[in-house]
Amino acid sequence: MSVAQEQRSERVEVAQRHGVAPPVWWLVFRREFIDLWTGGRVLLLLILFSLVMSVTSALRELESSLSLIPPVEMAFLTILSGISFGLFVGMVIGADSISGERERATLEPLLLTPAKPRQIVFGKFLAAMSPWPVTFLLTIPYVVVLAHGDNVVQEGLLLGALLGGLLAIAFTGFGMLLSIWAKSNRASLFASLVVYLVFLIPTQWPGSAQKGDLGYLIQQFNPLQASSEFLEKVLVNNRTVAEKMPYMLAAIFAAVGVMAVLFLYAAPRLRLDRDASRSRLPRPGRVASVLLVAGATVALVATPATRAQAASSPQGQGQGLQIAVDLGYKTVSAGDEVEFTTVVTNAGATATAPLNVAMNIVKTGKGEPVDPEDWSPERTQQIDKLAPGESSEQTWTVEAILEGDYMVYMTVLPQPSGPNSTTQPVSSPGIHLTVKSFAKTNPGGVLPVAIGTPVALMLIAVVPILRRRRAKDEAPQGEI
């Protein structure tokens, strides 16, 4: 029985039971979904994913016992790995969805049905997206184990699911675009792999290579890099979601843009026959140029928003200011929080203008400069005018990010009275902060998840194989 006949019989059977025939996209999705999950392709990719996650999780736990990586950073890296592999699975399935069946001549029977091309593409897109939720669910045990009870797990998984879903939509849809436009399945799969590597490689660059206008532009243009930057700054460096929202725009624009091109332009022009003329299809280079221009436009629009900072400008001058700190030194482990208070006092004879108290962190030894915004969610606090003899107290929190010796000091900044005047900042005594490597580690804690997950998936993958063998053995000799 041909695919078209099977689909017609399914529609008739369901229509007889419910009195209405299901839409074509549902029939396409149902058949694609069953073929993907019972044919073994998705299960094999998930087994590969679980093996990769198990090996990398064990290596990270081992590295943590040697270099003592904070658990929040290991949780971030694990979430990012799950997202990267999950969208890769969707992109590969999407790249094979049209061109593969066109080469195998399994799409041509659909020409006999009233199925519209857009309905076929929509059903196949939903089926290609189905591995993503399972992939992310498999990531959760690794994140929980490597986080060692850190409270970042819930926020990290929520943001990871949101960003990963957007990226999975974008990359799966882009894989289907390549599959529609490619002349062969091999070309579609190869192009999807190249595109994936182009987006993935910049995420592996060292931080020093991503500074400057070009580095920030690439971060804004590359949705995978922008999502990595967003998750790292929010989960590891204590930035707020609102502050780093421009980096999420890359994933949003990528998902919306790819869906628009796929369903408004490419899907209506889908040709199902194997030898169809592709004169109406755009060349891959032309498509890449359009996507490049669109991405660069989004990046240029979003970059100024990232750079824009709310400048706090104190008003007026103040003399006789004093600032005291209730902490002189402390030794902590990476990932620990340090809380202290400052007291600003007006010891002068006149009232001050509004003031700003700013936090500064300097590394005393060799190494990269410290960005205080990565260490504290609040770098500055404002103070209203202080009358003579009046004081104001502020509370600060610093999260130790990296191992080393640091000096934390606070500065009171009165604003000049006008554009042609200046004032003298007043600094506090320094806080000597010694940060040791993260000491809490449990190398054996990850082994049950690292071993149990791949084994469970392998056992699940055996079920459809046994069912096919049983069906083959029970079939009459004439049908084999």
Protein backbone atom coordinates (compact mmCIF):
# COMPACT_ATOMS: atom_id res chain seq x y z
CA MET A 1 0.00 0.00 0.00
CA SER A 2 1.37 3.43 -0.94
CA VAL A 3 1.77 6.30 1.48
CA ALA A 4 -1.14 8.15 -0.15
CA GLN A 5 -3.43 5.13 0.16
CA GLU A 6 -2.42 4.64 3.79
CA GLN A 7 -3.15 8.27 4.55
CA ARG A 8 -6.53 8.10 2.80
CA SER A 9 -7.47 4.99 4.73
CA GLU A 10 -6.44 6.59 7.99
CA ARG A 11 -8.55 9.66 7.24
CA VAL A 12 -11.56 7.53 6.31
CA GLU A 13 -11.24 5.40 9.45
CA VAL A 14 -10.96 8.40 11.75
CA ALA A 15 -13.75 10.20 9.90
CA GLN A 16 -16.02 7.21 10.36
CA ARG A 17 -15.30 7.12 14.07
CA HIS A 18 -15.55 10.83 14.80
CA GLY A 19 -17.58 12.10 11.90
CA VAL A 20 -14.84 14.47 10.68
CA ALA A 21 -11.56 13.89 8.90
CA PRO A 22 -8.35 15.09 10.65
CA PRO A 23 -6.29 17.80 8.95
CA VAL A 24 -3.53 16.73 6.60
CA TRP A 25 -0.77 18.24 8.75
CA TRP A 26 -1.82 16.00 11.64
CA LEU A 27 -1.58 12.88 9.48
CA VAL A 28 1.85 13.93 8.24
CA PHE A 29 3.01 14.71 11.78
CA ARG A 30 1.66 11.43 13.14
CA ARG A 31 3.37 9.32 10.52
CA GLU A 32 6.65 11.24 10.73
CA PHE A 33 6.58 11.05 14.53
CA ILE A 34 6.04 7.29 14.51
CA ASP A 35 8.75 6.74 11.88
CA LEU A 36 11.26 8.87 13.80
CA TRP A 37 10.72 7.25 17.18
CA THR A 38 10.14 3.64 16.11
CA GLY A 39 12.63 3.63 13.28
CA GLY A 40 15.54 4.10 15.68
CA ARG A 41 17.03 7.32 14.31
CA VAL A 42 16.02 9.56 17.19
CA LEU A 43 16.80 6.96 19.84
CA LEU A 44 20.29 6.47 18.43
CA LEU A 45 20.90 10.23 18.51
CA LEU A 46 19.59 10.41 22.08
CA ILE A 47 21.86 7.55 23.12
CA LEU A 48 24.79 9.41 21.56
CA PHE A 49 23.68 12.55 23.38
CA SER A 50 23.49 10.74 26.73
CA LEU A 51 26.95 9.24 26.22
CA VAL A 52 28.41 12.67 25.40
CA MET A 53 26.69 14.24 28.41
CA SER A 54 27.84 11.41 30.69
CA VAL A 55 31.47 11.69 29.60
CA THR A 56 31.55 15.48 29.80
CA SER A 57 29.76 15.46 33.19
CA ALA A 58 32.25 12.99 34.61
CA LEU A 59 35.14 15.04 33.23
CA ARG A 60 33.69 18.25 34.68
CA GLU A 61 33.27 16.61 38.08
CA LEU A 62 36.86 15.38 37.89
CA GLU A 63 38.07 18.81 36.81
CA SER A 64 36.11 20.32 39.67
CA SER A 65 38.00 18.11 42.11
CA LEU A 66 41.29 19.33 40.64
CA SER A 67 40.71 22.99 39.72
CA LEU A 68 37.57 23.28 41.90
CA ILE A 69 35.05 24.82 39.51
CA PRO A 70 32.04 26.38 41.26
CA PRO A 71 28.84 24.33 40.84
CA VAL A 72 26.95 27.23 39.29
CA GLU A 73 29.43 27.30 36.41
CA MET A 74 29.18 23.54 35.88
CA ALA A 75 25.38 23.84 35.83
CA PHE A 76 25.62 26.61 33.21
CA LEU A 77 27.97 24.58 31.00
CA THR A 78 25.72 21.52 31.25
CA ILE A 79 22.62 23.48 30.27
CA LEU A 80 24.50 25.00 27.34
CA SER A 81 25.66 21.55 26.21
CA GLY A 82 22.11 20.23 26.33
CA ILE A 83 20.85 23.15 24.25
CA SER A 84 23.66 22.83 21.69
CA PHE A 85 23.12 19.11 21.09
CA GLY A 86 19.33 19.37 21.19
CA LEU A 87 19.16 21.93 18.41
CA PHE A 88 21.72 19.91 16.43
CA VAL A 89 19.41 16.87 16.52
CA GLY A 90 16.49 18.98 15.30
CA MET A 91 18.59 20.56 12.55
CA VAL A 92 19.77 17.16 11.24
CA ILE A 93 16.23 15.74 11.20
CA GLY A 94 14.93 18.89 9.52
CA ALA A 95 17.69 18.75 6.89
CA ASP A 96 16.66 15.18 5.99
CA SER A 97 12.90 15.71 6.15
CA ILE A 98 12.31 16.88 2.56
CA SER A 99 15.43 16.21 0.49
CA GLY A 100 15.85 12.71 1.92
CA GLU A 101 12.30 11.67 1.08
CA ARG A 102 12.50 13.40 -2.29
CA GLU A 103 15.55 11.28 -3.19
CA ARG A 104 13.82 8.13 -1.94
CA ALA A 105 10.75 9.09 -4.00
CA THR A 106 8.50 8.70 -0.96
CA LEU A 107 6.98 12.17 -1.34
CA GLU A 108 5.59 11.74 -4.84
CA PRO A 109 2.47 9.75 -3.75
CA LEU A 110 1.38 12.89 -1.87
CA LEU A 111 0.79 14.47 -5.27
CA LEU A 112 -2.33 12.28 -5.49
CA THR A 113 -3.76 13.77 -2.30
CA PRO A 114 -5.26 17.23 -1.70
CA ALA A 115 -2.46 17.98 0.75
CA LYS A 116 -1.13 21.53 0.48
CA PRO A 117 2.65 21.97 0.64
CA ARG A 118 2.40 24.22 3.70
CA GLN A 119 0.48 21.53 5.59
CA ILE A 120 3.12 18.95 4.74
CA VAL A 121 5.93 21.23 5.90
CA PHE A 122 4.09 22.06 9.12
CA GLY A 123 3.53 18.40 9.99
CA LYS A 124 7.16 17.53 9.30
CA PHE A 125 8.36 20.54 11.30
CA LEU A 126 6.40 19.45 14.38
CA ALA A 127 7.80 15.93 14.09
CA ALA A 128 11.36 17.25 13.72
CA MET A 129 10.85 19.37 16.87
CA SER A 130 9.70 16.39 18.95
CA PRO A 131 13.22 15.28 20.08
CA TRP A 132 13.98 18.67 21.66
CA PRO A 133 11.77 18.34 24.79
CA VAL A 134 13.13 14.83 25.43
CA THR A 135 16.70 16.06 25.00
CA PHE A 136 16.18 18.82 27.52
CA LEU A 137 14.51 16.46 29.98
CA LEU A 138 17.56 14.20 29.76
CA THR A 139 19.73 17.21 30.60
CA ILE A 140 17.94 17.91 33.89
CA PRO A 141 19.49 15.05 35.96
CA TYR A 142 23.01 16.08 34.94
CA VAL A 143 22.32 19.70 35.90
CA VAL A 144 20.86 18.74 39.28
CA VAL A 145 23.80 16.48 40.14
CA LEU A 146 26.53 18.91 39.04
CA ALA A 147 24.89 21.92 40.71
CA HIS A 148 25.34 20.31 44.16
CA GLY A 149 22.14 21.87 45.48
CA ASP A 150 22.86 25.39 44.26
CA ASN A 151 19.72 27.52 44.02
CA VAL A 152 20.55 28.40 40.41
CA VAL A 153 19.06 25.11 39.15
CA GLN A 154 15.47 26.27 38.90
CA GLU A 155 16.25 29.58 37.18
CA GLY A 156 18.83 27.95 34.92
CA LEU A 157 16.47 25.22 33.75
CA LEU A 158 13.67 27.72 33.13
CA LEU A 159 15.86 30.06 31.08
CA GLY A 160 17.50 27.09 29.34
CA ALA A 161 14.12 25.68 28.30
CA LEU A 162 13.04 29.08 26.95
CA LEU A 163 16.23 29.84 25.02
CA GLY A 164 16.66 26.23 23.91
CA GLY A 165 13.12 26.14 22.56
CA LEU A 166 13.68 29.31 20.54
CA LEU A 167 17.00 28.02 19.19
CA ALA A 168 15.51 24.60 18.38
CA ILE A 169 12.75 26.31 16.38
CA ALA A 170 15.29 28.43 14.50
CA PHE A 171 17.79 25.66 13.70
CA THR A 172 15.18 23.00 12.91
CA GLY A 173 13.37 25.42 10.60
CA PHE A 174 16.65 26.39 8.95
CA GLY A 175 17.46 22.72 8.40
CA MET A 176 14.10 22.31 6.66
CA LEU A 177 14.85 25.35 4.48
CA LEU A 178 18.08 23.70 3.38
CA SER A 179 16.20 20.46 2.78
CA ILE A 180 13.61 22.19 0.58
CA TRP A 181 16.17 24.10 -1.48
CA ALA A 182 18.99 21.54 -1.72
CA LYS A 183 19.44 19.49 -4.88
CA SER A 184 20.41 16.39 -2.89
CA ASN A 185 20.10 15.07 0.63
CA ARG A 186 23.87 14.95 0.96
CA ALA A 187 24.12 18.66 0.16
CA SER A 188 21.40 19.47 2.67
CA LEU A 189 23.05 17.53 5.51
CA PHE A 190 26.50 18.90 4.72
CA ALA A 191 25.25 22.49 4.57
CA SER A 192 23.41 22.08 7.88
CA LEU A 193 26.59 20.77 9.54
CA VAL A 194 28.62 23.71 8.19
CA VAL A 195 26.04 26.23 9.38
CA TYR A 196 25.93 24.59 12.81
CA LEU A 197 29.72 24.76 13.16
CA VAL A 198 29.78 28.39 12.00
CA PHE A 199 27.41 29.34 14.80
CA LEU A 200 28.99 27.03 17.39
CA ILE A 201 32.71 27.85 16.98
CA PRO A 202 32.50 31.48 18.21
CA THR A 203 31.05 30.22 21.50
CA GLN A 204 34.37 28.47 22.12
CA TRP A 205 36.49 31.59 21.67
CA PRO A 206 38.27 32.91 24.77
CA GLY A 207 36.75 35.95 26.42
CA SER A 208 39.57 38.23 25.27
CA ALA A 209 38.68 37.50 21.63
CA GLN A 210 35.12 38.69 22.13
CA LYS A 211 35.80 42.22 23.31
CA GLY A 212 35.49 45.38 21.28
CA ASP A 213 32.86 46.42 18.76
CA LEU A 214 33.43 43.41 16.48
CA GLY A 215 33.23 40.95 19.36
CA TYR A 216 29.99 42.45 20.68
CA LEU A 217 28.58 42.54 17.14
CA ILE A 218 29.29 38.84 16.68
CA GLN A 219 27.67 38.08 20.02
CA GLN A 220 24.55 39.96 18.95
CA PHE A 221 24.44 38.42 15.47
CA ASN A 222 25.03 34.79 16.51
CA PRO A 223 21.93 33.50 18.35
CA LEU A 224 23.86 30.60 19.90
CA GLN A 225 26.61 32.90 21.17
CA ALA A 226 24.10 35.49 22.37
CA SER A 227 22.20 32.82 24.29
CA SER A 228 25.43 31.56 25.84
CA GLU A 229 26.33 35.10 26.89
CA PHE A 230 22.85 35.64 28.31
CA LEU A 231 22.88 32.45 30.39
CA GLU A 232 26.41 33.00 31.66
CA LYS A 233 25.85 36.60 32.73
CA VAL A 234 22.52 35.83 34.43
CA LEU A 235 23.40 32.51 36.08
CA VAL A 236 27.12 32.90 36.83
CA ASN A 237 27.71 36.65 37.00
CA ASN A 238 24.56 37.78 38.83
CA ARG A 239 23.25 40.05 36.08
CA THR A 240 19.53 40.62 35.82
CA VAL A 241 17.37 39.23 33.02
CA ALA A 242 16.21 42.74 32.10
CA GLU A 243 19.79 43.96 31.77
CA LYS A 244 20.78 41.16 29.39
CA MET A 245 17.48 40.98 27.50
CA PRO A 246 19.08 42.37 24.27
CA TYR A 247 21.05 39.13 24.02
CA MET A 248 17.81 37.12 24.04
CA LEU A 249 16.57 39.14 21.08
CA ALA A 250 18.95 37.25 18.79
CA ALA A 251 17.20 33.93 19.54
CA ILE A 252 13.76 35.54 19.24
CA PHE A 253 14.50 37.20 15.90
CA ALA A 254 16.15 34.02 14.59
CA ALA A 255 13.11 31.89 15.45
CA VAL A 256 10.59 34.39 14.06
CA GLY A 257 12.65 35.10 10.93
CA VAL A 258 13.21 31.45 10.04
CA MET A 259 9.53 30.61 10.60
CA ALA A 260 8.47 33.49 8.39
CA VAL A 261 10.76 32.41 5.53
CA LEU A 262 9.84 28.74 5.93
CA PHE A 263 6.05 29.04 5.97
CA LEU A 264 5.46 32.24 4.01
CA TYR A 265 7.99 31.77 1.21
CA ALA A 266 9.53 28.29 1.01
CA ALA A 267 6.62 26.02 1.98
CA PRO A 268 4.16 27.26 -0.68
CA ARG A 269 6.86 26.61 -3.33
CA LEU A 270 7.64 23.07 -2.17
CA ARG A 271 8.00 20.59 -5.04
CA LEU A 272 7.34 16.97 -4.10
CA ASP A 273 8.39 15.16 -7.28
CA ARG A 274 11.95 13.92 -7.43
CA ASP A 275 12.84 15.48 -10.78
CA ALA A 276 11.07 18.80 -10.23
CA SER A 277 12.71 21.86 -11.73
CA ARG A 278 14.32 24.05 -9.10
CA SER A 279 14.51 27.17 -11.19
CA ARG A 280 12.09 28.92 -8.82
CA LEU A 281 14.18 28.05 -5.78
CA PRO A 282 16.76 30.60 -4.58
CA ARG A 283 20.42 29.76 -4.69
CA PRO A 284 22.02 28.88 -1.34
CA GLY A 285 24.45 31.78 -1.63
CA ARG A 286 21.62 34.23 -2.21
CA VAL A 287 19.72 32.87 0.79
CA ALA A 288 22.82 33.10 2.96
CA SER A 289 23.32 36.72 1.90
CA VAL A 290 19.75 37.62 2.82
CA LEU A 291 20.10 35.95 6.23
CA LEU A 292 23.45 37.65 6.80
CA VAL A 293 22.05 41.10 6.03
CA ALA A 294 19.01 40.48 8.23
CA GLY A 295 21.15 39.23 11.10
CA ALA A 296 23.58 42.13 10.81
CA THR A 297 20.68 44.58 10.86
CA VAL A 298 19.31 43.00 14.02
CA ALA A 299 22.78 43.05 15.57
CA LEU A 300 23.32 46.73 14.76
CA VAL A 301 19.95 47.62 16.23
CA ALA A 302 20.49 45.55 19.37
CA THR A 303 24.09 46.55 20.05
CA PRO A 304 23.37 50.11 21.17
CA ALA A 305 20.74 48.76 23.56
CA THR A 306 23.34 46.50 25.13
CA ARG A 307 25.78 49.32 25.57
CA ALA A 308 23.27 51.78 26.95
CA GLN A 309 23.73 52.19 30.67
CA ALA A 310 21.71 54.39 32.99
CA ALA A 311 24.26 56.97 34.04
CA SER A 312 23.78 58.15 37.58
CA SER A 313 25.08 61.67 38.04
CA PRO A 314 25.29 63.04 41.54
CA GLN A 315 24.46 66.68 42.06
CA GLY A 316 26.43 69.30 43.95
CA GLN A 317 29.62 69.20 46.05
CA GLY A 318 30.30 67.84 49.49
CA GLN A 319 33.23 68.33 51.82
CA GLY A 320 34.17 66.50 54.97
CA LEU A 321 32.77 63.19 53.73
CA GLN A 322 33.84 59.97 55.44
CA ILE A 323 33.14 56.34 54.56
CA ALA A 324 33.68 53.38 56.87
CA VAL A 325 33.48 49.61 56.16
CA ASP A 326 32.66 46.94 58.75
CA LEU A 327 34.92 44.31 57.11
CA GLY A 328 38.69 44.34 56.70
CA TYR A 329 39.48 40.93 55.24
CA LYS A 330 37.88 37.56 54.61
CA THR A 331 38.77 34.18 53.09
CA VAL A 332 36.04 32.41 51.11
CA SER A 333 35.64 29.73 48.47
CA ALA A 334 34.66 30.44 44.88
CA GLY A 335 30.90 30.75 44.66
CA ASP A 336 30.46 32.01 48.24
CA GLU A 337 28.74 35.31 49.00
CA VAL A 338 30.30 38.04 51.12
CA GLU A 339 28.09 40.63 52.79
CA PHE A 340 29.28 43.88 54.37
CA THR A 341 27.99 47.36 55.12
CA THR A 342 29.32 50.86 54.58
CA VAL A 343 28.48 54.03 56.47
CA VAL A 344 28.83 57.42 54.79
CA THR A 345 29.05 60.38 57.20
CA ASN A 346 28.99 64.09 56.55
CA ALA A 347 31.59 65.50 58.95
CA GLY A 348 31.51 68.92 57.32
CA ALA A 349 29.73 72.09 58.33
CA THR A 350 27.43 72.27 55.30
CA ALA A 351 24.97 69.89 53.71
CA THR A 352 26.08 67.77 50.81
CA ALA A 353 24.46 67.27 47.45
CA PRO A 354 23.12 63.81 46.48
CA LEU A 355 25.93 61.27 46.41
CA ASN A 356 26.81 57.99 44.76
CA VAL A 357 28.65 55.17 46.49
CA ALA A 358 30.44 52.91 43.99
CA MET A 359 32.06 49.49 44.44
CA ASN A 360 35.46 48.73 42.92
CA ILE A 361 37.29 45.38 42.81
CA VAL A 362 40.95 45.02 41.84
CA LYS A 363 42.96 41.81 41.56
CA THR A 364 46.24 42.20 43.43
CA GLY A 365 48.15 39.58 41.44
CA LYS A 366 48.54 38.82 37.76
CA GLY A 367 45.49 38.03 35.70
CA GLU A 368 42.68 39.57 33.70
CA PRO A 369 41.01 42.75 35.01
CA VAL A 370 37.97 42.23 37.18
CA ASP A 371 34.55 43.43 36.08
CA PRO A 372 32.74 44.37 39.33
CA GLU A 373 29.37 43.88 37.62
CA ASP A 374 30.14 40.15 37.43
CA TRP A 375 30.72 40.00 41.17
CA SER A 376 27.82 42.02 42.49
CA PRO A 377 24.25 42.63 41.30
CA GLU A 378 24.48 46.22 42.59
CA ARG A 379 27.59 48.26 41.91
CA THR A 380 26.34 51.69 42.96
CA GLN A 381 23.89 53.10 45.48
CA GLN A 382 22.56 56.63 45.66
CA ILE A 383 22.32 58.78 48.75
CA ASP A 384 20.23 61.88 49.17
CA LYS A 385 21.66 65.04 50.68
CA LEU A 386 23.32 64.58 54.06
CA ALA A 387 23.01 67.31 56.68
CA PRO A 388 26.04 68.12 58.85
CA GLY A 389 26.73 65.17 61.14
CA GLU A 390 24.21 62.92 59.35
CA SER A 391 25.11 59.38 58.26
CA SER A 392 23.73 56.84 55.80
CA GLU A 393 24.25 53.06 55.82
CA GLN A 394 24.41 50.78 52.76
CA THR A 395 24.42 46.98 52.50
CA TRP A 396 26.47 45.20 49.82
CA THR A 397 26.78 41.65 48.56
CA VAL A 398 29.73 40.28 46.61
CA GLU A 399 29.84 36.78 45.13
CA ALA A 400 33.34 35.40 44.75
CA ILE A 401 33.65 34.30 41.12
CA LEU A 402 37.30 33.38 40.56
CA GLU A 403 40.16 32.13 42.69
CA GLY A 404 42.77 34.73 43.73
CA ASP A 405 43.52 37.73 45.94
CA TYR A 406 41.35 40.81 45.50
CA MET A 407 40.98 44.24 47.05
CA VAL A 408 37.45 45.58 47.35
CA TYR A 409 37.06 49.28 48.11
CA MET A 410 34.19 51.75 48.08
CA THR A 411 34.20 55.30 46.76
CA VAL A 412 31.87 58.21 47.52
CA LEU A 413 31.37 60.39 44.45
CA PRO A 414 29.84 63.86 44.92
CA GLN A 415 28.78 65.49 41.68
CA PRO A 416 30.40 68.70 40.50
CA SER A 417 28.24 71.80 40.65
CA GLY A 418 28.49 72.35 36.90
CA PRO A 419 30.19 71.27 33.67
CA ASN A 420 33.30 73.37 34.45
CA SER A 421 33.89 72.11 37.98
CA THR A 422 35.00 68.88 39.68
CA THR A 423 35.05 67.27 43.13
CA GLN A 424 37.30 65.00 45.14
CA PRO A 425 36.14 61.37 45.53
CA VAL A 426 36.55 59.80 48.96
CA SER A 427 37.62 56.13 49.21
CA SER A 428 37.16 53.64 52.02
CA PRO A 429 39.76 51.28 53.50
CA GLY A 430 40.18 48.21 51.32
CA ILE A 431 38.67 44.79 52.01
CA HIS A 432 41.24 42.06 51.37
CA LEU A 433 39.23 39.21 49.81
CA THR A 434 41.04 35.89 49.44
CA VAL A 435 39.11 33.50 47.21
CA LYS A 436 40.02 29.84 47.33
CA SER A 437 38.97 27.20 44.85
CA PHE A 438 35.59 25.60 45.27
CA ALA A 439 36.21 22.90 47.86
CA LYS A 440 32.92 20.96 47.89
CA THR A 441 33.00 18.13 45.39
CA ASN A 442 31.60 14.66 45.02
CA PRO A 443 33.17 12.88 42.02
CA GLY A 444 31.09 9.76 42.60
CA GLY A 445 27.77 11.56 42.75
CA VAL A 446 27.50 11.93 38.99
CA LEU A 447 28.22 8.26 38.19
CA PRO A 448 24.67 6.91 38.72
CA VAL A 449 23.28 9.48 36.28
CA ALA A 450 26.21 9.17 33.87
CA ILE A 451 25.85 5.39 33.67
CA GLY A 452 22.12 4.95 34.25
CA THR A 453 20.87 7.37 31.56
CA PRO A 454 22.64 5.78 28.53
CA VAL A 455 21.80 2.27 29.75
CA ALA A 456 18.11 3.15 30.15
CA LEU A 457 17.98 4.66 26.65
CA MET A 458 19.68 1.58 25.18
CA LEU A 459 17.09 -0.65 26.81
CA ILE A 460 14.29 1.52 25.43
CA ALA A 461 15.86 1.39 21.96
CA VAL A 462 15.76 -2.43 22.02
CA VAL A 463 11.94 -2.45 22.31
CA PRO A 464 11.10 -1.33 18.73
CA ILE A 465 13.77 -3.67 17.35
CA LEU A 466 12.22 -6.64 19.11
CA ARG A 467 8.74 -5.60 17.98
CA ARG A 468 9.83 -5.43 14.34
CA ARG A 469 11.46 -8.85 14.56
CA ARG A 470 8.37 -10.34 16.17
CA ALA A 471 6.11 -8.80 13.51
CA LYS A 472 8.39 -10.18 10.81
CA ASP A 473 8.37 -13.67 12.33
CA GLU A 474 4.57 -13.66 12.71
CA ALA A 475 3.90 -12.37 9.17
CA PRO A 476 2.76 -14.94 6.55
CA GLN A 477 5.50 -16.18 4.26
CA GLY A 478 3.98 -14.44 1.24
CA GLU A 479 4.17 -11.03 2.87
CA ILE A 480 7.81 -11.24 3.90
